[in-house]
PDB file of N, CA and C in Angstrom:
ATOM      1  N   UNK A   1     -71.405  -8.422 -11.951  1.00  0.00           N
ATOM      2  CA  UNK A   1     -69.965  -8.265 -12.015  1.00  0.00           C
ATOM      3  C   UNK A   1     -69.541  -8.079 -13.464  1.00  0.00           C
ATOM      4  N   UNK A   2     -68.737  -7.074 -13.728  1.00  0.00           N
ATOM      5  CA  UNK A   2     -68.288  -6.782 -15.077  1.00  0.00           C
ATOM      6  C   UNK A   2     -67.082  -7.646 -15.436  1.00  0.00           C
ATOM      7  N   UNK A   3     -67.015  -8.062 -16.693  1.00  0.00           N
ATOM      8  CA  UNK A   3     -65.839  -8.776 -17.166  1.00  0.00           C
ATOM      9  C   UNK A   3     -64.709  -7.779 -17.352  1.00  0.00           C
ATOM     10  N   UNK A   4     -63.509  -8.167 -16.947  1.00  0.00           N
ATOM     11  CA  UNK A   4     -62.354  -7.295 -17.101  1.00  0.00           C
ATOM     12  C   UNK A   4     -61.774  -7.473 -18.492  1.00  0.00           C
ATOM     13  N   UNK A   5     -61.204  -6.391 -19.020  1.00  0.00           N
ATOM     14  CA  UNK A   5     -60.551  -6.450 -20.319  1.00  0.00           C
ATOM     15  C   UNK A   5     -59.135  -5.911 -20.162  1.00  0.00           C
ATOM     16  N   UNK A   6     -58.273  -6.296 -21.077  1.00  0.00           N
ATOM     17  CA  UNK A   6     -56.902  -5.804 -21.039  1.00  0.00           C
ATOM     18  C   UNK A   6     -56.825  -4.440 -21.707  1.00  0.00           C
ATOM     19  N   UNK A   7     -55.720  -3.777 -21.511  1.00  0.00           N
ATOM     20  CA  UNK A   7     -55.512  -2.472 -22.136  1.00  0.00           C
ATOM     21  C   UNK A   7     -55.535  -2.617 -23.654  1.00  0.00           C
ATOM     22  N   UNK A   8     -54.915  -3.686 -24.150  1.00  0.00           N
ATOM     23  CA  UNK A   8     -54.900  -3.908 -25.595  1.00  0.00           C
ATOM     24  C   UNK A   8     -56.326  -4.041 -26.148  1.00  0.00           C
ATOM     25  N   UNK A   9     -57.199  -4.752 -25.427  1.00  0.00           N
ATOM     26  CA  UNK A   9     -58.590  -4.899 -25.864  1.00  0.00           C
ATOM     27  C   UNK A   9     -59.319  -3.559 -25.834  1.00  0.00           C
ATOM     28  N   UNK A  10     -59.035  -2.736 -24.821  1.00  0.00           N
ATOM     29  CA  UNK A  10     -59.677  -1.420 -24.724  1.00  0.00           C
ATOM     30  C   UNK A  10     -59.253  -0.530 -25.880  1.00  0.00           C
ATOM     31  N   UNK A  11     -57.951  -0.548 -26.210  1.00  0.00           N
ATOM     32  CA  UNK A  11     -57.457   0.253 -27.328  1.00  0.00           C
ATOM     33  C   UNK A  11     -58.130  -0.190 -28.628  1.00  0.00           C
ATOM     34  N   UNK A  12     -58.264  -1.502 -28.806  1.00  0.00           N
ATOM     35  CA  UNK A  12     -58.911  -2.029 -30.010  1.00  0.00           C
ATOM     36  C   UNK A  12     -60.363  -1.551 -30.092  1.00  0.00           C
ATOM     37  N   UNK A  13     -61.094  -1.621 -28.966  1.00  0.00           N
ATOM     38  CA  UNK A  13     -62.495  -1.198 -28.955  1.00  0.00           C
ATOM     39  C   UNK A  13     -62.619   0.280 -29.313  1.00  0.00           C
ATOM     40  N   UNK A  14     -61.727   1.087 -28.764  1.00  0.00           N
ATOM     41  CA  UNK A  14     -61.787   2.529 -29.041  1.00  0.00           C
ATOM     42  C   UNK A  14     -61.453   2.802 -30.499  1.00  0.00           C
ATOM     43  N   UNK A  15     -60.389   2.142 -31.015  1.00  0.00           N
ATOM     44  CA  UNK A  15     -59.982   2.416 -32.394  1.00  0.00           C
ATOM     45  C   UNK A  15     -61.015   1.919 -33.408  1.00  0.00           C
ATOM     46  N   UNK A  16     -61.799   0.890 -33.054  1.00  0.00           N
ATOM     47  CA  UNK A  16     -62.824   0.379 -33.964  1.00  0.00           C
ATOM     48  C   UNK A  16     -64.153   1.125 -33.817  1.00  0.00           C
ATOM     49  N   UNK A  17     -64.272   1.943 -32.779  1.00  0.00           N
ATOM     50  CA  UNK A  17     -65.520   2.668 -32.553  1.00  0.00           C
ATOM     51  C   UNK A  17     -65.624   3.899 -33.444  1.00  0.00           C
ATOM     52  N   UNK A  18     -66.792   4.528 -33.367  1.00  0.00           N
ATOM     53  CA  UNK A  18     -66.991   5.751 -34.126  1.00  0.00           C
ATOM     54  C   UNK A  18     -66.075   6.834 -33.588  1.00  0.00           C
ATOM     55  N   UNK A  19     -65.530   7.624 -34.501  1.00  0.00           N
ATOM     56  CA  UNK A  19     -64.674   8.713 -34.042  1.00  0.00           C
ATOM     57  C   UNK A  19     -65.581   9.854 -33.574  1.00  0.00           C
ATOM     58  N   UNK A  20     -65.667   9.974 -32.290  1.00  0.00           N
ATOM     59  CA  UNK A  20     -66.490  11.022 -31.698  1.00  0.00           C
ATOM     60  C   UNK A  20     -65.861  11.405 -30.367  1.00  0.00           C
ATOM     61  N   UNK A  21     -66.492  12.285 -29.698  1.00  0.00           N
ATOM     62  CA  UNK A  21     -66.002  12.692 -28.384  1.00  0.00           C
ATOM     63  C   UNK A  21     -66.595  11.748 -27.360  1.00  0.00           C
ATOM     64  N   UNK A  22     -65.720  11.154 -26.553  1.00  0.00           N
ATOM     65  CA  UNK A  22     -66.171  10.238 -25.517  1.00  0.00           C
ATOM     66  C   UNK A  22     -66.537  11.027 -24.273  1.00  0.00           C
ATOM     67  N   UNK A  23     -67.624  10.640 -23.632  1.00  0.00           N
ATOM     68  CA  UNK A  23     -68.059  11.342 -22.426  1.00  0.00           C
ATOM     69  C   UNK A  23     -67.238  10.885 -21.216  1.00  0.00           C
ATOM     70  N   UNK A  24     -67.347  11.642 -20.179  1.00  0.00           N
ATOM     71  CA  UNK A  24     -66.678  11.291 -18.931  1.00  0.00           C
ATOM     72  C   UNK A  24     -67.161   9.923 -18.455  1.00  0.00           C
ATOM     73  N   UNK A  25     -68.431   9.647 -18.584  1.00  0.00           N
ATOM     74  CA  UNK A  25     -68.976   8.349 -18.184  1.00  0.00           C
ATOM     75  C   UNK A  25     -68.389   7.207 -19.016  1.00  0.00           C
ATOM     76  N   UNK A  26     -68.185   7.451 -20.322  1.00  0.00           N
ATOM     77  CA  UNK A  26     -67.573   6.432 -21.181  1.00  0.00           C
ATOM     78  C   UNK A  26     -66.155   6.107 -20.706  1.00  0.00           C
ATOM     79  N   UNK A  27     -65.401   7.133 -20.395  1.00  0.00           N
ATOM     80  CA  UNK A  27     -64.019   6.938 -19.946  1.00  0.00           C
ATOM     81  C   UNK A  27     -63.991   6.236 -18.595  1.00  0.00           C
ATOM     82  N   UNK A  28     -64.843   6.651 -17.667  1.00  0.00           N
ATOM     83  CA  UNK A  28     -64.891   6.011 -16.350  1.00  0.00           C
ATOM     84  C   UNK A  28     -65.293   4.545 -16.463  1.00  0.00           C
ATOM     85  N   UNK A  29     -66.251   4.256 -17.344  1.00  0.00           N
ATOM     86  CA  UNK A  29     -66.652   2.865 -17.561  1.00  0.00           C
ATOM     87  C   UNK A  29     -65.486   2.052 -18.107  1.00  0.00           C
ATOM     88  N   UNK A  30     -64.782   2.594 -19.078  1.00  0.00           N
ATOM     89  CA  UNK A  30     -63.641   1.902 -19.672  1.00  0.00           C
ATOM     90  C   UNK A  30     -62.563   1.628 -18.612  1.00  0.00           C
ATOM     91  N   UNK A  31     -62.263   2.616 -17.808  1.00  0.00           N
ATOM     92  CA  UNK A  31     -61.251   2.433 -16.761  1.00  0.00           C
ATOM     93  C   UNK A  31     -61.688   1.395 -15.724  1.00  0.00           C
ATOM     94  N   UNK A  32     -62.978   1.315 -15.461  1.00  0.00           N
ATOM     95  CA  UNK A  32     -63.453   0.373 -14.448  1.00  0.00           C
ATOM     96  C   UNK A  32     -63.365  -1.075 -14.910  1.00  0.00           C
ATOM     97  N   UNK A  33     -63.341  -1.303 -16.226  1.00  0.00           N
ATOM     98  CA  UNK A  33     -63.270  -2.674 -16.719  1.00  0.00           C
ATOM     99  C   UNK A  33     -61.875  -3.078 -17.191  1.00  0.00           C
ATOM    100  N   UNK A  34     -60.909  -2.186 -17.061  1.00  0.00           N
ATOM    101  CA  UNK A  34     -59.544  -2.517 -17.457  1.00  0.00           C
ATOM    102  C   UNK A  34     -58.907  -3.461 -16.446  1.00  0.00           C
ATOM    103  N   UNK A  35     -58.154  -4.382 -16.961  1.00  0.00           N
ATOM    104  CA  UNK A  35     -57.411  -5.315 -16.113  1.00  0.00           C
ATOM    105  C   UNK A  35     -55.932  -5.088 -16.381  1.00  0.00           C
ATOM    106  N   UNK A  36     -55.195  -4.794 -15.332  1.00  0.00           N
ATOM    107  CA  UNK A  36     -53.766  -4.566 -15.521  1.00  0.00           C
ATOM    108  C   UNK A  36     -53.015  -5.874 -15.426  1.00  0.00           C
ATOM    109  N   UNK A  37     -51.873  -5.924 -16.066  1.00  0.00           N
ATOM    110  CA  UNK A  37     -51.076  -7.143 -16.061  1.00  0.00           C
ATOM    111  C   UNK A  37     -50.539  -7.465 -14.676  1.00  0.00           C
ATOM    112  N   UNK A  38     -50.384  -6.479 -13.801  1.00  0.00           N
ATOM    113  CA  UNK A  38     -49.875  -6.754 -12.463  1.00  0.00           C
ATOM    114  C   UNK A  38     -50.826  -7.671 -11.694  1.00  0.00           C
ATOM    115  N   UNK A  39     -52.110  -7.678 -12.065  1.00  0.00           N
ATOM    116  CA  UNK A  39     -53.063  -8.571 -11.416  1.00  0.00           C
ATOM    117  C   UNK A  39     -52.896 -10.013 -11.871  1.00  0.00           C
ATOM    118  N   UNK A  40     -52.185 -10.220 -12.972  1.00  0.00           N
ATOM    119  CA  UNK A  40     -52.025 -11.547 -13.528  1.00  0.00           C
ATOM    120  C   UNK A  40     -50.820 -12.295 -12.960  1.00  0.00           C
ATOM    121  N   UNK A  41     -49.958 -11.623 -12.221  1.00  0.00           N
ATOM    122  CA  UNK A  41     -48.719 -12.243 -11.739  1.00  0.00           C
ATOM    123  C   UNK A  41     -49.004 -13.173 -10.565  1.00  0.00           C
ATOM    124  N   UNK A  42     -48.419 -14.352 -10.645  1.00  0.00           N
ATOM    125  CA  UNK A  42     -48.587 -15.333  -9.577  1.00  0.00           C
ATOM    126  C   UNK A  42     -47.267 -16.075  -9.389  1.00  0.00           C
ATOM    127  N   UNK A  43     -46.859 -16.258  -8.148  1.00  0.00           N
ATOM    128  CA  UNK A  43     -45.639 -17.003  -7.850  1.00  0.00           C
ATOM    129  C   UNK A  43     -46.024 -18.443  -7.562  1.00  0.00           C
ATOM    130  N   UNK A  44     -45.457 -19.347  -8.329  1.00  0.00           N
ATOM    131  CA  UNK A  44     -45.753 -20.765  -8.159  1.00  0.00           C
ATOM    132  C   UNK A  44     -44.697 -21.418  -7.265  1.00  0.00           C
ATOM    133  N   UNK A  45     -44.995 -22.626  -6.787  1.00  0.00           N
ATOM    134  CA  UNK A  45     -44.030 -23.372  -5.986  1.00  0.00           C
ATOM    135  C   UNK A  45     -42.767 -23.663  -6.796  1.00  0.00           C
ATOM    136  N   UNK A  46     -42.943 -23.951  -8.070  1.00  0.00           N
ATOM    137  CA  UNK A  46     -41.788 -24.228  -8.939  1.00  0.00           C
ATOM    138  C   UNK A  46     -40.892 -22.995  -9.060  1.00  0.00           C
ATOM    139  N   UNK A  47     -41.509 -21.809  -9.174  1.00  0.00           N
ATOM    140  CA  UNK A  47     -40.732 -20.570  -9.251  1.00  0.00           C
ATOM    141  C   UNK A  47     -39.928 -20.361  -7.978  1.00  0.00           C
ATOM    142  N   UNK A  48     -40.535 -20.612  -6.831  1.00  0.00           N
ATOM    143  CA  UNK A  48     -39.846 -20.451  -5.547  1.00  0.00           C
ATOM    144  C   UNK A  48     -38.661 -21.412  -5.469  1.00  0.00           C
ATOM    145  N   UNK A  49     -38.879 -22.673  -5.864  1.00  0.00           N
ATOM    146  CA  UNK A  49     -37.780 -23.655  -5.835  1.00  0.00           C
ATOM    147  C   UNK A  49     -36.647 -23.238  -6.771  1.00  0.00           C
ATOM    148  N   UNK A  50     -36.990 -22.815  -7.965  1.00  0.00           N
ATOM    149  CA  UNK A  50     -35.971 -22.417  -8.933  1.00  0.00           C
ATOM    150  C   UNK A  50     -35.199 -21.205  -8.444  1.00  0.00           C
ATOM    151  N   UNK A  51     -35.916 -20.198  -7.943  1.00  0.00           N
ATOM    152  CA  UNK A  51     -35.249 -19.002  -7.419  1.00  0.00           C
ATOM    153  C   UNK A  51     -34.362 -19.342  -6.229  1.00  0.00           C
ATOM    154  N   UNK A  52     -34.841 -20.191  -5.331  1.00  0.00           N
ATOM    155  CA  UNK A  52     -34.049 -20.592  -4.173  1.00  0.00           C
ATOM    156  C   UNK A  52     -32.764 -21.277  -4.613  1.00  0.00           C
ATOM    157  N   UNK A  53     -32.883 -22.177  -5.584  1.00  0.00           N
ATOM    158  CA  UNK A  53     -31.703 -22.866  -6.109  1.00  0.00           C
ATOM    159  C   UNK A  53     -30.734 -21.883  -6.758  1.00  0.00           C
ATOM    160  N   UNK A  54     -31.269 -20.950  -7.549  1.00  0.00           N
ATOM    161  CA  UNK A  54     -30.423 -19.961  -8.221  1.00  0.00           C
ATOM    162  C   UNK A  54     -29.692 -19.069  -7.219  1.00  0.00           C
ATOM    163  N   UNK A  55     -30.392 -18.649  -6.170  1.00  0.00           N
ATOM    164  CA  UNK A  55     -29.779 -17.799  -5.151  1.00  0.00           C
ATOM    165  C   UNK A  55     -28.716 -18.573  -4.382  1.00  0.00           C
ATOM    166  N   UNK A  56     -29.015 -19.809  -4.009  1.00  0.00           N
ATOM    167  CA  UNK A  56     -28.040 -20.635  -3.301  1.00  0.00           C
ATOM    168  C   UNK A  56     -26.786 -20.845  -4.151  1.00  0.00           C
ATOM    169  N   UNK A  57     -26.983 -21.084  -5.445  1.00  0.00           N
ATOM    170  CA  UNK A  57     -25.841 -21.274  -6.347  1.00  0.00           C
ATOM    171  C   UNK A  57     -25.019 -19.990  -6.467  1.00  0.00           C
ATOM    172  N   UNK A  58     -25.710 -18.848  -6.572  1.00  0.00           N
ATOM    173  CA  UNK A  58     -25.010 -17.564  -6.678  1.00  0.00           C
ATOM    174  C   UNK A  58     -24.177 -17.293  -5.429  1.00  0.00           C
ATOM    175  N   UNK A  59     -24.723 -17.588  -4.253  1.00  0.00           N
ATOM    176  CA  UNK A  59     -23.974 -17.399  -3.011  1.00  0.00           C
ATOM    177  C   UNK A  59     -22.812 -18.375  -2.924  1.00  0.00           C
ATOM    178  N   UNK A  60     -23.039 -19.595  -3.352  1.00  0.00           N
ATOM    179  CA  UNK A  60     -21.974 -20.600  -3.340  1.00  0.00           C
ATOM    180  C   UNK A  60     -20.833 -20.194  -4.273  1.00  0.00           C
ATOM    181  N   UNK A  61     -21.180 -19.612  -5.418  1.00  0.00           N
ATOM    182  CA  UNK A  61     -20.161 -19.169  -6.370  1.00  0.00           C
ATOM    183  C   UNK A  61     -19.302 -18.037  -5.809  1.00  0.00           C
ATOM    184  N   UNK A  62     -19.861 -17.274  -4.882  1.00  0.00           N
ATOM    185  CA  UNK A  62     -19.100 -16.196  -4.252  1.00  0.00           C
ATOM    186  C   UNK A  62     -18.029 -16.763  -3.307  1.00  0.00           C
ATOM    187  N   UNK A  63     -18.277 -17.976  -2.828  1.00  0.00           N
ATOM    188  CA  UNK A  63     -17.308 -18.631  -1.949  1.00  0.00           C
ATOM    189  C   UNK A  63     -17.016 -17.817  -0.705  1.00  0.00           C
ATOM    190  N   UNK A  64     -15.751 -17.724  -0.361  1.00  0.00           N
ATOM    191  CA  UNK A  64     -15.351 -17.020   0.865  1.00  0.00           C
ATOM    192  C   UNK A  64     -15.393 -15.506   0.712  1.00  0.00           C
ATOM    193  N   UNK A  65     -15.685 -15.015  -0.501  1.00  0.00           N
ATOM    194  CA  UNK A  65     -15.764 -13.565  -0.696  1.00  0.00           C
ATOM    195  C   UNK A  65     -16.910 -12.934   0.094  1.00  0.00           C
ATOM    196  N   UNK A  66     -17.917 -13.731   0.474  1.00  0.00           N
ATOM    197  CA  UNK A  66     -19.026 -13.154   1.237  1.00  0.00           C
ATOM    198  C   UNK A  66     -18.711 -13.078   2.726  1.00  0.00           C
ATOM    199  N   UNK A  67     -17.548 -13.619   3.133  1.00  0.00           N
ATOM    200  CA  UNK A  67     -17.137 -13.579   4.538  1.00  0.00           C
ATOM    201  C   UNK A  67     -16.079 -12.496   4.692  1.00  0.00           C
ATOM    202  N   UNK A  68     -16.359 -11.513   5.550  1.00  0.00           N
ATOM    203  CA  UNK A  68     -15.386 -10.457   5.821  1.00  0.00           C
ATOM    204  C   UNK A  68     -14.395 -10.883   6.905  1.00  0.00           C
ATOM    205  N   UNK A  69     -14.907 -11.478   7.967  1.00  0.00           N
ATOM    206  CA  UNK A  69     -14.048 -11.836   9.102  1.00  0.00           C
ATOM    207  C   UNK A  69     -14.708 -12.959   9.886  1.00  0.00           C
ATOM    208  N   UNK A  70     -13.910 -13.694  10.619  1.00  0.00           N
ATOM    209  CA  UNK A  70     -14.437 -14.755  11.477  1.00  0.00           C
ATOM    210  C   UNK A  70     -13.466 -14.999  12.631  1.00  0.00           C
ATOM    211  N   UNK A  71     -13.985 -15.568  13.690  1.00  0.00           N
ATOM    212  CA  UNK A  71     -13.166 -15.922  14.855  1.00  0.00           C
ATOM    213  C   UNK A  71     -13.361 -17.392  15.167  1.00  0.00           C
ATOM    214  N   UNK A  72     -12.240 -18.072  15.355  1.00  0.00           N
ATOM    215  CA  UNK A  72     -12.263 -19.495  15.665  1.00  0.00           C
ATOM    216  C   UNK A  72     -11.638 -19.738  17.028  1.00  0.00           C
ATOM    217  N   UNK A  73     -12.082 -20.780  17.693  1.00  0.00           N
ATOM    218  CA  UNK A  73     -11.459 -21.259  18.918  1.00  0.00           C
ATOM    219  C   UNK A  73     -11.032 -22.698  18.663  1.00  0.00           C
ATOM    220  N   UNK A  74      -9.747 -22.958  18.929  1.00  0.00           N
ATOM    221  CA  UNK A  74      -9.246 -24.306  18.709  1.00  0.00           C
ATOM    222  C   UNK A  74      -9.082 -25.012  20.048  1.00  0.00           C
ATOM    223  N   UNK A  75      -9.765 -26.122  20.172  1.00  0.00           N
ATOM    224  CA  UNK A  75      -9.668 -26.961  21.355  1.00  0.00           C
ATOM    225  C   UNK A  75      -9.086 -28.300  20.916  1.00  0.00           C
ATOM    226  N   UNK A  76      -8.891 -29.167  21.860  1.00  0.00           N
ATOM    227  CA  UNK A  76      -8.377 -30.491  21.553  1.00  0.00           C
ATOM    228  C   UNK A  76      -9.356 -31.209  20.632  1.00  0.00           C
ATOM    229  N   UNK A  77      -8.916 -31.583  19.421  1.00  0.00           N
ATOM    230  CA  UNK A  77      -9.708 -32.292  18.410  1.00  0.00           C
ATOM    231  C   UNK A  77     -10.972 -31.545  17.975  1.00  0.00           C
ATOM    232  N   UNK A  78     -10.990 -30.229  18.147  1.00  0.00           N
ATOM    233  CA  UNK A  78     -12.215 -29.504  17.845  1.00  0.00           C
ATOM    234  C   UNK A  78     -11.896 -28.059  17.469  1.00  0.00           C
ATOM    235  N   UNK A  79     -12.578 -27.572  16.474  1.00  0.00           N
ATOM    236  CA  UNK A  79     -12.488 -26.165  16.092  1.00  0.00           C
ATOM    237  C   UNK A  79     -13.896 -25.594  16.150  1.00  0.00           C
ATOM    238  N   UNK A  80     -14.057 -24.508  16.900  1.00  0.00           N
ATOM    239  CA  UNK A  80     -15.371 -23.873  17.027  1.00  0.00           C
ATOM    240  C   UNK A  80     -15.354 -22.529  16.315  1.00  0.00           C
ATOM    241  N   UNK A  81     -16.448 -22.262  15.608  1.00  0.00           N
ATOM    242  CA  UNK A  81     -16.636 -20.967  14.977  1.00  0.00           C
ATOM    243  C   UNK A  81     -17.335 -20.071  15.980  1.00  0.00           C
ATOM    244  N   UNK A  82     -16.618 -19.077  16.479  1.00  0.00           N
ATOM    245  CA  UNK A  82     -17.186 -18.188  17.494  1.00  0.00           C
ATOM    246  C   UNK A  82     -18.040 -17.082  16.879  1.00  0.00           C
ATOM    247  N   UNK A  83     -17.578 -16.511  15.793  1.00  0.00           N
ATOM    248  CA  UNK A  83     -18.355 -15.456  15.135  1.00  0.00           C
ATOM    249  C   UNK A  83     -17.945 -15.371  13.675  1.00  0.00           C
ATOM    250  N   UNK A  84     -18.849 -14.816  12.876  1.00  0.00           N
ATOM    251  CA  UNK A  84     -18.580 -14.622  11.456  1.00  0.00           C
ATOM    252  C   UNK A  84     -19.254 -13.324  11.017  1.00  0.00           C
ATOM    253  N   UNK A  85     -18.517 -12.517  10.292  1.00  0.00           N
ATOM    254  CA  UNK A  85     -19.047 -11.273   9.744  1.00  0.00           C
ATOM    255  C   UNK A  85     -19.176 -11.451   8.239  1.00  0.00           C
ATOM    256  N   UNK A  86     -20.394 -11.268   7.739  1.00  0.00           N
ATOM    257  CA  UNK A  86     -20.658 -11.444   6.316  1.00  0.00           C
ATOM    258  C   UNK A  86     -20.646 -10.106   5.593  1.00  0.00           C
ATOM    259  N   UNK A  87     -20.249 -10.126   4.351  1.00  0.00           N
ATOM    260  CA  UNK A  87     -20.236  -8.942   3.511  1.00  0.00           C
ATOM    261  C   UNK A  87     -21.622  -8.794   2.886  1.00  0.00           C
ATOM    262  N   UNK A  88     -22.453  -7.964   3.487  1.00  0.00           N
ATOM    263  CA  UNK A  88     -23.834  -7.807   3.029  1.00  0.00           C
ATOM    264  C   UNK A  88     -23.908  -7.301   1.591  1.00  0.00           C
ATOM    265  N   UNK A  89     -22.992  -6.454   1.213  1.00  0.00           N
ATOM    266  CA  UNK A  89     -22.990  -5.922  -0.148  1.00  0.00           C
ATOM    267  C   UNK A  89     -22.817  -7.014  -1.184  1.00  0.00           C
ATOM    268  N   UNK A  90     -21.891  -7.941  -0.934  1.00  0.00           N
ATOM    269  CA  UNK A  90     -21.672  -9.037  -1.887  1.00  0.00           C
ATOM    270  C   UNK A  90     -22.846 -10.009  -1.887  1.00  0.00           C
ATOM    271  N   UNK A  91     -23.466 -10.224  -0.733  1.00  0.00           N
ATOM    272  CA  UNK A  91     -24.642 -11.100  -0.661  1.00  0.00           C
ATOM    273  C   UNK A  91     -25.792 -10.477  -1.445  1.00  0.00           C
ATOM    274  N   UNK A  92     -26.044  -9.186  -1.221  1.00  0.00           N
ATOM    275  CA  UNK A  92     -27.119  -8.503  -1.951  1.00  0.00           C
ATOM    276  C   UNK A  92     -26.861  -8.529  -3.448  1.00  0.00           C
ATOM    277  N   UNK A  93     -25.616  -8.295  -3.859  1.00  0.00           N
ATOM    278  CA  UNK A  93     -25.289  -8.295  -5.285  1.00  0.00           C
ATOM    279  C   UNK A  93     -25.504  -9.681  -5.890  1.00  0.00           C
ATOM    280  N   UNK A  94     -25.116 -10.731  -5.171  1.00  0.00           N
ATOM    281  CA  UNK A  94     -25.295 -12.102  -5.679  1.00  0.00           C
ATOM    282  C   UNK A  94     -26.773 -12.443  -5.802  1.00  0.00           C
ATOM    283  N   UNK A  95     -27.564 -12.054  -4.807  1.00  0.00           N
ATOM    284  CA  UNK A  95     -29.008 -12.314  -4.848  1.00  0.00           C
ATOM    285  C   UNK A  95     -29.658 -11.514  -5.973  1.00  0.00           C
ATOM    286  N   UNK A  96     -29.275 -10.247  -6.110  1.00  0.00           N
ATOM    287  CA  UNK A  96     -29.836  -9.411  -7.177  1.00  0.00           C
ATOM    288  C   UNK A  96     -29.491  -9.986  -8.547  1.00  0.00           C
ATOM    289  N   UNK A  97     -28.250 -10.418  -8.736  1.00  0.00           N
ATOM    290  CA  UNK A  97     -27.863 -11.020 -10.019  1.00  0.00           C
ATOM    291  C   UNK A  97     -28.685 -12.273 -10.310  1.00  0.00           C
ATOM    292  N   UNK A  98     -28.884 -13.114  -9.289  1.00  0.00           N
ATOM    293  CA  UNK A  98     -29.674 -14.340  -9.473  1.00  0.00           C
ATOM    294  C   UNK A  98     -31.109 -14.002  -9.859  1.00  0.00           C
ATOM    295  N   UNK A  99     -31.701 -13.009  -9.201  1.00  0.00           N
ATOM    296  CA  UNK A  99     -33.074 -12.602  -9.519  1.00  0.00           C
ATOM    297  C   UNK A  99     -33.174 -12.019 -10.926  1.00  0.00           C
ATOM    298  N   UNK A 100     -32.224 -11.162 -11.290  1.00  0.00           N
ATOM    299  CA  UNK A 100     -32.245 -10.560 -12.625  1.00  0.00           C
ATOM    300  C   UNK A 100     -32.068 -11.622 -13.705  1.00  0.00           C
ATOM    301  N   UNK A 101     -31.177 -12.591 -13.474  1.00  0.00           N
ATOM    302  CA  UNK A 101     -30.998 -13.678 -14.438  1.00  0.00           C
ATOM    303  C   UNK A 101     -32.268 -14.502 -14.565  1.00  0.00           C
ATOM    304  N   UNK A 102     -32.925 -14.768 -13.438  1.00  0.00           N
ATOM    305  CA  UNK A 102     -34.174 -15.536 -13.471  1.00  0.00           C
ATOM    306  C   UNK A 102     -35.234 -14.794 -14.287  1.00  0.00           C
ATOM    307  N   UNK A 103     -35.370 -13.504 -14.021  1.00  0.00           N
ATOM    308  CA  UNK A 103     -36.373 -12.697 -14.732  1.00  0.00           C
ATOM    309  C   UNK A 103     -36.052 -12.652 -16.229  1.00  0.00           C
ATOM    310  N   UNK A 104     -34.783 -12.433 -16.575  1.00  0.00           N
ATOM    311  CA  UNK A 104     -34.393 -12.383 -17.981  1.00  0.00           C
ATOM    312  C   UNK A 104     -34.651 -13.710 -18.692  1.00  0.00           C
ATOM    313  N   UNK A 105     -34.409 -14.815 -18.005  1.00  0.00           N
ATOM    314  CA  UNK A 105     -34.584 -16.143 -18.602  1.00  0.00           C
ATOM    315  C   UNK A 105     -36.036 -16.599 -18.654  1.00  0.00           C
ATOM    316  N   UNK A 106     -36.932 -15.913 -17.927  1.00  0.00           N
ATOM    317  CA  UNK A 106     -38.324 -16.360 -17.864  1.00  0.00           C
ATOM    318  C   UNK A 106     -39.310 -15.309 -18.343  1.00  0.00           C
ATOM    319  N   UNK A 107     -38.844 -14.350 -19.128  1.00  0.00           N
ATOM    320  CA  UNK A 107     -39.771 -13.365 -19.703  1.00  0.00           C
ATOM    321  C   UNK A 107     -40.631 -14.059 -20.735  1.00  0.00           C
ATOM    322  N   UNK A 108     -41.904 -13.672 -20.737  1.00  0.00           N
ATOM    323  CA  UNK A 108     -42.818 -14.318 -21.699  1.00  0.00           C
ATOM    324  C   UNK A 108     -42.806 -13.653 -23.032  1.00  0.00           C
TER     325      UNK A 108
END
């Protein structure tokens, strides 16, 4: 099994090597040992909890703006919610804002 290297390490190896023409085999070998940063991403339990809290807070901050319409039935000493229509656009925007804020605040 070959050890993987990052793109930065590959660039360093090439720039420190002899200036010559690299063969197709050299390039294929280099590409086979490259490790992309997308392979390094991992979602932790803490990240899930933080994101969940951020999304819940963002939706809570929207308040009644995320509700387009609702129907109630009033009975003796009781109010029942028969239906509720949510504004999907405002929900998506609140979730997207929460995710973007999380990403901006946690860039390495």
